[in-house]
């Protein structure tokens, strides 16, 4: 790699959360750690073009940020003794120390001293590197309001002296659901990213969480869910066009991740505590089973979506079940099920219109299908999905 700016960009994308976790654990001040890390990236853009990209960019950034923190803290202390200054020069084994540190920071974000509705947004921004405006869009609030609340939450972490360590027992169990929700949101966001950086990160942290909470069925279920989904990442798009799961080339699916997902799902079943992530993982397992059987078990999918609506009802689940109904009982039955879904989800849900278009096309209702494809295109937000819908619309003509 010869481009310093590109090297800094990759470090920011791949390592930001890990580096921030290490710095935050030392300072117990997330905002200060963020400022120091931003300063380190700025120095990298000045230093690396002149002196070359270091062999270990992450270690260089960590050391630079630590030095900056040391400078700040020394200025804040009039007559500091050596024992009063946090040791920022200790050269930790970076990769060995990252996992527990990052989980510690994630669980700090779920502390009861912080407003409950900020737990997941704070995790997504500070540890997982998601931009505030993206988080605001996911949670349907204004970016400015969210930014102010996140600043106050970070100050709360500092002022309350919340310990940066992984809690145990009932406290860990209490915070686990928030942690899993944040990892699920990370997995769901930008799942069409060609580099699949977020997919890698979500899978890594989900696996780490499943080992930390080996007795938690939902932690195991989430790890399985993300593994199954991640296994299909290489087949999701062709030339920038989304490929529906049932049309994907199964030879591109990763056997190692599928096998991992099966093991975790089996362990989850053994806990006899069924939850949302386990059911979603089971749905994914039905789809990936096509690599072995050559077919999709629509009856099993129908039962699983019915169970999912009982445990965690959603517009997406309703639409997916309507599509399954169309497969089992014909397009007319699928359209009737979509009418019920629309009554609950409203008219602004893009997958509903894409499903209506496909079912109408199956019936030969070209005019209705065209209108539905156009509506779905107007509501779509990612280019691969738009390209797929446009291709389907063109086929009708």
Protein backbone atom coordinates (compact mmCIF):
# COMPACT_ATOMS: atom_id res chain seq x y z
CA UNK A 1 0.00 0.00 0.00
CA UNK A 2 1.56 3.34 -1.05
CA UNK A 3 -1.21 5.89 -0.46
CA UNK A 4 -1.01 7.32 3.09
CA UNK A 5 -4.52 8.78 2.90
CA UNK A 6 -5.89 5.38 1.87
CA UNK A 7 -3.97 3.70 4.71
CA UNK A 8 -5.49 6.13 7.22
CA UNK A 9 -8.95 5.57 5.76
CA UNK A 10 -8.61 1.78 6.10
CA UNK A 11 -7.37 2.12 9.68
CA UNK A 12 -10.33 4.35 10.51
CA UNK A 13 -12.79 1.92 8.94
CA UNK A 14 -11.32 -1.28 10.36
CA UNK A 15 -9.85 -0.28 13.72
CA UNK A 16 -11.57 2.86 15.01
CA UNK A 17 -13.76 1.11 17.56
CA UNK A 18 -10.95 -1.12 18.81
CA UNK A 19 -8.56 1.80 19.26
CA UNK A 20 -11.21 3.91 20.96
CA UNK A 21 -11.96 1.09 23.37
CA UNK A 22 -8.31 0.87 24.42
CA UNK A 23 -8.05 4.61 24.93
CA UNK A 24 -11.38 4.88 26.76
CA UNK A 25 -10.47 2.13 29.19
CA UNK A 26 -7.37 4.12 30.14
CA UNK A 27 -9.11 7.48 30.54
CA UNK A 28 -12.70 6.55 31.50
CA UNK A 29 -13.57 9.56 29.30
CA UNK A 30 -15.01 8.60 25.91
CA UNK A 31 -15.10 12.16 24.54
CA UNK A 32 -11.46 12.78 25.44
CA UNK A 33 -10.47 9.47 23.84
CA UNK A 34 -12.36 10.41 20.68
CA UNK A 35 -10.55 13.75 20.50
CA UNK A 36 -7.16 12.11 20.99
CA UNK A 37 -7.87 9.53 18.29
CA UNK A 38 -9.05 12.23 15.87
CA UNK A 39 -5.82 14.12 16.58
CA UNK A 40 -3.81 10.96 15.87
CA UNK A 41 -5.51 10.48 12.49
CA UNK A 42 -4.82 14.13 11.64
CA UNK A 43 -1.14 13.66 12.53
CA UNK A 44 -1.03 10.52 10.39
CA UNK A 45 -2.14 12.47 7.33
CA UNK A 46 0.72 14.91 7.94
CA UNK A 47 3.38 12.42 9.01
CA UNK A 48 2.87 9.38 6.79
CA UNK A 49 3.29 11.14 3.40
CA UNK A 50 6.72 12.44 4.56
CA UNK A 51 8.05 9.48 6.53
CA UNK A 52 6.18 6.54 5.05
CA UNK A 53 3.33 4.35 6.28
CA UNK A 54 4.36 2.49 9.47
CA UNK A 55 4.49 -1.30 9.48
CA UNK A 56 1.67 -1.35 12.04
CA UNK A 57 -0.60 1.68 11.43
CA UNK A 58 -2.90 0.74 14.33
CA UNK A 59 -0.04 0.68 16.83
CA UNK A 60 1.25 4.02 15.52
CA UNK A 61 -2.18 5.61 15.89
CA UNK A 62 -2.64 4.15 19.37
CA UNK A 63 0.74 5.41 20.58
CA UNK A 64 0.17 8.87 19.08
CA UNK A 65 -3.28 9.13 20.66
CA UNK A 66 -1.94 7.96 24.02
CA UNK A 67 0.82 10.55 23.88
CA UNK A 68 -1.75 13.22 23.16
CA UNK A 69 -3.81 12.11 26.15
CA UNK A 70 -0.74 12.23 28.35
CA UNK A 71 -0.04 15.80 27.23
CA UNK A 72 -3.60 16.87 27.99
CA UNK A 73 -3.69 15.22 31.37
CA UNK A 74 -0.35 16.69 32.41
CA UNK A 75 -1.60 20.16 31.58
CA UNK A 76 -4.67 19.59 33.75
CA UNK A 77 -2.56 18.65 36.79
CA UNK A 78 -0.60 21.46 38.44
CA UNK A 79 1.97 19.30 40.24
CA UNK A 80 1.37 15.74 39.12
CA UNK A 81 3.26 12.89 40.63
CA UNK A 82 4.19 9.88 38.54
CA UNK A 83 1.46 7.83 40.19
CA UNK A 84 -1.21 10.38 39.25
CA UNK A 85 -0.53 10.21 35.52
CA UNK A 86 -2.07 7.21 33.74
CA UNK A 87 0.59 5.10 32.05
CA UNK A 88 0.19 5.84 28.35
CA UNK A 89 3.57 4.49 27.25
CA UNK A 90 3.05 0.85 28.05
CA UNK A 91 3.23 -0.93 24.71
CA UNK A 92 0.33 -3.38 25.02
CA UNK A 93 0.01 -6.34 22.72
CA UNK A 94 -2.54 -4.60 20.56
CA UNK A 95 -4.39 -7.54 19.09
CA UNK A 96 -4.44 -9.50 22.36
CA UNK A 97 -5.97 -6.64 24.33
CA UNK A 98 -8.60 -5.50 21.86
CA UNK A 99 -11.46 -8.01 22.34
CA UNK A 100 -12.12 -7.62 26.07
CA UNK A 101 -11.50 -3.88 25.95
CA UNK A 102 -14.05 -3.38 23.22
CA UNK A 103 -16.69 -5.49 24.91
CA UNK A 104 -16.03 -3.55 28.11
CA UNK A 105 -16.78 -0.29 26.36
CA UNK A 106 -19.90 -1.73 24.72
CA UNK A 107 -21.21 -2.80 28.11
CA UNK A 108 -20.33 0.58 29.64
CA UNK A 109 -22.67 2.11 27.06
CA UNK A 110 -25.48 -0.04 28.49
CA UNK A 111 -24.97 1.15 32.09
CA UNK A 112 -28.24 2.06 33.87
CA UNK A 113 -26.87 5.55 34.60
CA UNK A 114 -27.31 6.28 30.88
CA UNK A 115 -30.78 6.79 29.39
CA UNK A 116 -32.08 3.47 28.09
CA UNK A 117 -32.96 4.81 24.64
CA UNK A 118 -29.32 5.93 24.21
CA UNK A 119 -27.70 2.58 24.97
CA UNK A 120 -27.72 1.23 21.42
CA UNK A 121 -27.00 4.58 19.68
CA UNK A 122 -24.03 5.17 22.01
CA UNK A 123 -22.67 1.70 21.24
CA UNK A 124 -23.11 2.21 17.51
CA UNK A 125 -21.28 5.53 17.49
CA UNK A 126 -18.47 5.13 20.00
CA UNK A 127 -17.46 1.50 19.61
CA UNK A 128 -18.78 0.45 16.24
CA UNK A 129 -17.95 3.64 14.35
CA UNK A 130 -21.33 4.41 12.84
CA UNK A 131 -21.92 8.08 12.02
CA UNK A 132 -24.41 10.01 14.13
CA UNK A 133 -26.52 11.03 11.14
CA UNK A 134 -26.87 7.36 10.10
CA UNK A 135 -27.88 6.38 13.62
CA UNK A 136 -30.36 9.25 13.72
CA UNK A 137 -31.97 7.98 10.52
CA UNK A 138 -32.24 4.45 11.96
CA UNK A 139 -33.91 5.74 15.13
CA UNK A 140 -36.04 8.38 13.39
CA UNK A 141 -34.71 11.39 15.34
CA UNK A 142 -32.90 14.53 14.24
CA UNK A 143 -29.09 14.27 13.94
CA UNK A 144 -28.60 17.47 15.94
CA UNK A 145 -30.74 16.26 18.84
CA UNK A 146 -29.03 12.87 18.87
CA UNK A 147 -25.56 14.44 18.79
CA UNK A 148 -26.34 16.59 21.84
CA UNK A 149 -27.72 13.64 23.78
CA UNK A 150 -24.69 11.49 22.93
CA UNK A 151 -22.34 14.21 24.18
CA UNK A 152 -24.24 14.34 27.47
CA UNK A 153 -24.18 10.54 27.74
CA UNK A 154 -20.39 10.46 27.34
CA UNK A 155 -20.06 13.13 30.02
CA UNK A 156 -22.26 10.98 32.25
CA UNK A 157 -19.89 8.03 31.79
CA UNK A 158 -16.97 10.22 32.87
CA UNK A 159 -18.67 12.03 35.76
CA UNK A 160 -20.33 8.95 37.21
CA UNK A 161 -17.05 7.04 37.25
CA UNK A 162 -18.60 4.04 35.53
CA UNK A 163 -16.06 1.17 35.70
CA UNK A 164 -14.69 0.02 32.35
CA UNK A 165 -14.86 -3.69 32.90
CA UNK A 166 -17.04 -6.58 31.84
CA UNK A 167 -19.71 -7.11 34.52
CA UNK A 168 -20.58 -10.55 35.80
CA UNK A 169 -23.65 -12.57 36.65
CA UNK A 170 -27.00 -10.82 36.74
CA UNK A 171 -25.52 -7.46 35.71
CA UNK A 172 -24.04 -8.93 32.53
CA UNK A 173 -27.32 -10.70 31.76
CA UNK A 174 -29.23 -7.44 32.31
CA UNK A 175 -27.10 -5.58 29.79
CA UNK A 176 -26.78 -8.44 27.30
CA UNK A 177 -29.98 -7.70 25.37
CA UNK A 178 -28.80 -4.15 24.60
CA UNK A 179 -25.42 -5.45 23.46
CA UNK A 180 -27.07 -7.98 21.14
CA UNK A 181 -29.43 -5.34 19.72
CA UNK A 182 -26.45 -3.12 18.88
CA UNK A 183 -24.62 -5.95 17.13
CA UNK A 184 -27.78 -6.83 15.21
CA UNK A 185 -28.13 -3.20 14.11
CA UNK A 186 -24.50 -3.20 12.97
CA UNK A 187 -25.13 -6.38 10.99
CA UNK A 188 -28.30 -4.99 9.42
CA UNK A 189 -26.69 -1.68 8.41
CA UNK A 190 -24.84 -1.53 5.10
CA UNK A 191 -25.12 -5.30 4.61
CA UNK A 192 -24.63 -4.66 0.89
CA UNK A 193 -21.25 -2.98 1.46
CA UNK A 194 -18.93 -4.58 -1.18
CA UNK A 195 -16.02 -4.66 1.30
CA UNK A 196 -18.37 -6.13 3.92
CA UNK A 197 -16.34 -4.45 6.67
CA UNK A 198 -19.36 -4.08 8.94
CA UNK A 199 -20.28 -7.70 8.30
CA UNK A 200 -16.83 -8.82 9.43
CA UNK A 201 -17.04 -6.60 12.50
CA UNK A 202 -20.54 -7.75 13.43
CA UNK A 203 -19.62 -11.41 13.07
CA UNK A 204 -16.40 -11.02 15.07
CA UNK A 205 -18.13 -9.26 17.96
CA UNK A 206 -21.13 -11.61 17.89
CA UNK A 207 -18.81 -14.60 18.14
CA UNK A 208 -16.94 -12.91 20.99
CA UNK A 209 -20.22 -12.23 22.79
CA UNK A 210 -21.41 -15.81 22.33
CA UNK A 211 -18.23 -17.03 24.03
CA UNK A 212 -18.53 -14.48 26.82
CA UNK A 213 -22.19 -15.46 27.38
CA UNK A 214 -22.10 -19.15 26.45
CA UNK A 215 -25.24 -19.81 28.46
CA UNK A 216 -27.27 -17.11 26.71
CA UNK A 217 -29.37 -18.70 23.98
CA UNK A 218 -29.97 -15.41 22.16
CA UNK A 219 -26.24 -14.62 22.06
CA UNK A 220 -25.68 -17.99 20.39
CA UNK A 221 -28.64 -17.38 18.09
CA UNK A 222 -27.34 -13.99 16.99
CA UNK A 223 -23.90 -15.43 16.26
CA UNK A 224 -25.56 -18.11 14.12
CA UNK A 225 -27.78 -15.57 12.35
CA UNK A 226 -24.88 -13.30 11.42
CA UNK A 227 -22.75 -16.27 10.35
CA UNK A 228 -25.45 -17.59 7.99
CA UNK A 229 -26.00 -14.15 6.51
CA UNK A 230 -22.27 -13.43 6.25
CA UNK A 231 -21.79 -16.77 4.49
CA UNK A 232 -23.84 -15.46 1.55
CA UNK A 233 -22.09 -12.07 1.30
CA UNK A 234 -20.10 -12.99 -1.79
CA UNK A 235 -23.25 -13.91 -3.74
CA UNK A 236 -25.50 -10.97 -2.84
CA UNK A 237 -24.69 -8.77 -5.82
CA UNK A 238 -23.56 -9.26 -9.41
CA UNK A 239 -22.32 -6.20 -11.27
CA UNK A 240 -24.01 -3.93 -8.75
CA UNK A 241 -27.38 -5.71 -8.92
CA UNK A 242 -28.94 -7.35 -5.87
CA UNK A 243 -29.46 -11.10 -6.22
CA UNK A 244 -32.41 -12.45 -4.17
CA UNK A 245 -31.48 -15.30 -1.83
CA UNK A 246 -33.35 -17.91 -3.82
CA UNK A 247 -31.47 -16.97 -7.01
CA UNK A 248 -27.96 -16.78 -5.54
CA UNK A 249 -25.16 -19.05 -6.73
CA UNK A 250 -24.74 -21.43 -3.79
CA UNK A 251 -21.19 -22.27 -4.84
CA UNK A 252 -20.26 -18.78 -3.64
CA UNK A 253 -21.59 -19.41 -0.14
CA UNK A 254 -18.99 -20.09 2.55
CA UNK A 255 -19.16 -23.59 4.01
CA UNK A 256 -17.10 -22.68 7.10
CA UNK A 257 -19.54 -19.99 8.20
CA UNK A 258 -22.54 -22.21 7.48
CA UNK A 259 -21.02 -24.97 9.62
CA UNK A 260 -20.29 -22.46 12.39
CA UNK A 261 -23.88 -21.17 12.25
CA UNK A 262 -25.27 -24.69 12.54
CA UNK A 263 -23.14 -25.42 15.61
CA UNK A 264 -24.18 -22.21 17.36
CA UNK A 265 -27.85 -22.71 16.53
CA UNK A 266 -27.74 -26.26 17.89
CA UNK A 267 -26.19 -24.96 21.11
CA UNK A 268 -28.89 -22.29 21.33
CA UNK A 269 -31.65 -24.89 20.95
CA UNK A 270 -30.12 -26.80 23.85
CA UNK A 271 -30.86 -23.89 26.18
CA UNK A 272 -34.64 -24.31 25.66
CA UNK A 273 -35.15 -20.53 25.64
CA UNK A 274 -36.45 -19.53 22.21
CA UNK A 275 -36.09 -15.89 21.17
CA UNK A 276 -36.08 -13.60 18.17
CA UNK A 277 -32.48 -14.09 17.06
CA UNK A 278 -32.75 -17.86 17.23
CA UNK A 279 -35.87 -17.84 15.05
CA UNK A 280 -34.25 -15.50 12.52
CA UNK A 281 -31.18 -17.75 12.50
CA UNK A 282 -33.43 -20.76 11.89
CA UNK A 283 -35.00 -18.93 8.94
CA UNK A 284 -31.53 -18.28 7.52
CA UNK A 285 -30.62 -21.93 8.08
CA UNK A 286 -33.55 -22.99 5.89
CA UNK A 287 -32.26 -20.78 3.09
CA UNK A 288 -28.64 -21.95 3.31
CA UNK A 289 -29.82 -25.57 3.38
CA UNK A 290 -30.52 -25.14 -0.35
CA UNK A 291 -26.79 -25.62 -0.93
CA UNK A 292 -27.17 -29.25 0.23
CA UNK A 293 -30.74 -30.09 -0.77
CA UNK A 294 -31.20 -28.00 -3.89
CA UNK A 295 -34.58 -26.82 -2.64
CA UNK A 296 -36.17 -24.39 -0.16
CA UNK A 297 -38.52 -25.77 2.50
CA UNK A 298 -41.32 -23.22 2.25
CA UNK A 299 -43.50 -25.03 4.77
CA UNK A 300 -40.78 -24.74 7.41
CA UNK A 301 -40.30 -21.06 6.56
CA UNK A 302 -44.02 -20.44 6.96
CA UNK A 303 -43.98 -21.93 10.47
CA UNK A 304 -40.88 -19.98 11.45
CA UNK A 305 -42.25 -16.64 10.24
CA UNK A 306 -45.46 -17.33 12.14
CA UNK A 307 -43.39 -17.96 15.28
CA UNK A 308 -41.32 -14.82 14.65
CA UNK A 309 -44.45 -12.68 14.47
CA UNK A 310 -45.51 -14.05 17.85
CA UNK A 311 -42.15 -13.26 19.47
CA UNK A 312 -41.06 -10.10 17.61
CA UNK A 313 -43.74 -8.76 15.24
CA UNK A 314 -42.50 -6.50 12.46
CA UNK A 315 -43.50 -5.17 9.06
CA UNK A 316 -40.60 -7.03 7.46
CA UNK A 317 -41.74 -10.29 8.97
CA UNK A 318 -45.30 -9.78 7.75
CA UNK A 319 -44.15 -9.11 4.20
CA UNK A 320 -41.77 -12.07 4.23
CA UNK A 321 -44.54 -14.36 5.42
CA UNK A 322 -46.84 -13.05 2.68
CA UNK A 323 -44.18 -13.92 0.11
CA UNK A 324 -43.95 -17.42 1.57
CA UNK A 325 -47.76 -17.67 1.41
CA UNK A 326 -47.56 -16.78 -2.28
CA UNK A 327 -45.05 -19.56 -2.83
CA UNK A 328 -47.21 -22.12 -1.03
CA UNK A 329 -50.70 -21.13 -2.13
CA UNK A 330 -50.26 -18.99 -5.23
CA UNK A 331 -49.83 -15.26 -6.00
CA UNK A 332 -53.46 -14.39 -5.23
CA UNK A 333 -53.09 -15.70 -1.68
CA UNK A 334 -49.82 -13.83 -1.36
CA UNK A 335 -51.45 -10.56 -2.43
CA UNK A 336 -54.26 -11.01 0.09
CA UNK A 337 -51.65 -11.53 2.80
CA UNK A 338 -49.91 -8.34 1.65
CA UNK A 339 -53.18 -6.43 2.03
CA UNK A 340 -53.16 -7.42 5.70
CA UNK A 341 -49.49 -6.44 6.00
CA UNK A 342 -50.17 -3.03 4.41
CA UNK A 343 -52.96 -2.34 6.87
CA UNK A 344 -50.40 -2.71 9.67
CA UNK A 345 -47.20 -1.40 8.03
CA UNK A 346 -48.66 1.45 5.98
CA UNK A 347 -47.93 2.36 2.38
CA UNK A 348 -44.34 3.58 2.78
CA UNK A 349 -42.64 0.22 3.30
CA UNK A 350 -40.47 -0.53 0.28
CA UNK A 351 -40.30 -4.36 0.57
CA UNK A 352 -44.10 -4.51 0.52
CA UNK A 353 -44.23 -2.87 -2.92
CA UNK A 354 -41.42 -5.03 -4.27
CA UNK A 355 -43.31 -8.12 -3.11
CA UNK A 356 -46.58 -6.82 -4.65
CA UNK A 357 -44.76 -6.24 -7.93
CA UNK A 358 -43.31 -9.76 -8.02
CA UNK A 359 -46.64 -11.40 -7.19
CA UNK A 360 -48.53 -9.35 -9.77
CA UNK A 361 -45.90 -10.20 -12.35
CA UNK A 362 -46.42 -13.87 -11.50
CA UNK A 363 -50.12 -13.46 -12.26
CA UNK A 364 -49.39 -11.71 -15.55
CA UNK A 365 -50.79 -8.38 -14.26
CA UNK A 366 -48.16 -6.35 -16.07
CA UNK A 367 -49.72 -2.93 -15.52
CA UNK A 368 -50.15 -3.46 -11.76
CA UNK A 369 -46.70 -4.98 -11.49
CA UNK A 370 -45.16 -1.98 -13.28
CA UNK A 371 -46.84 0.49 -10.93
CA UNK A 372 -45.66 -1.49 -7.91
CA UNK A 373 -42.08 -1.70 -9.22
CA UNK A 374 -42.05 2.06 -9.79
CA UNK A 375 -43.33 2.64 -6.26
CA UNK A 376 -40.73 0.27 -4.82
CA UNK A 377 -37.95 2.03 -6.77
CA UNK A 378 -39.07 5.40 -5.41
CA UNK A 379 -38.80 4.08 -1.84
CA UNK A 380 -35.54 2.13 -2.21
CA UNK A 381 -32.39 3.62 -0.67
CA UNK A 382 -29.57 1.38 -1.86
CA UNK A 383 -28.34 1.11 -5.44
CA UNK A 384 -28.18 -2.72 -5.77
CA UNK A 385 -31.86 -2.99 -4.81
CA UNK A 386 -32.79 -0.16 -7.18
CA UNK A 387 -30.89 -1.87 -10.00
CA UNK A 388 -32.72 -5.15 -9.35
CA UNK A 389 -36.13 -3.47 -9.37
CA UNK A 390 -35.30 -1.57 -12.55
CA UNK A 391 -34.24 -4.80 -14.22
CA UNK A 392 -37.49 -6.48 -13.21
CA UNK A 393 -39.46 -3.50 -14.49
CA UNK A 394 -37.59 -3.64 -17.79
CA UNK A 395 -38.41 -7.35 -18.13
CA UNK A 396 -42.12 -6.53 -18.04
CA UNK A 397 -41.72 -4.31 -21.06
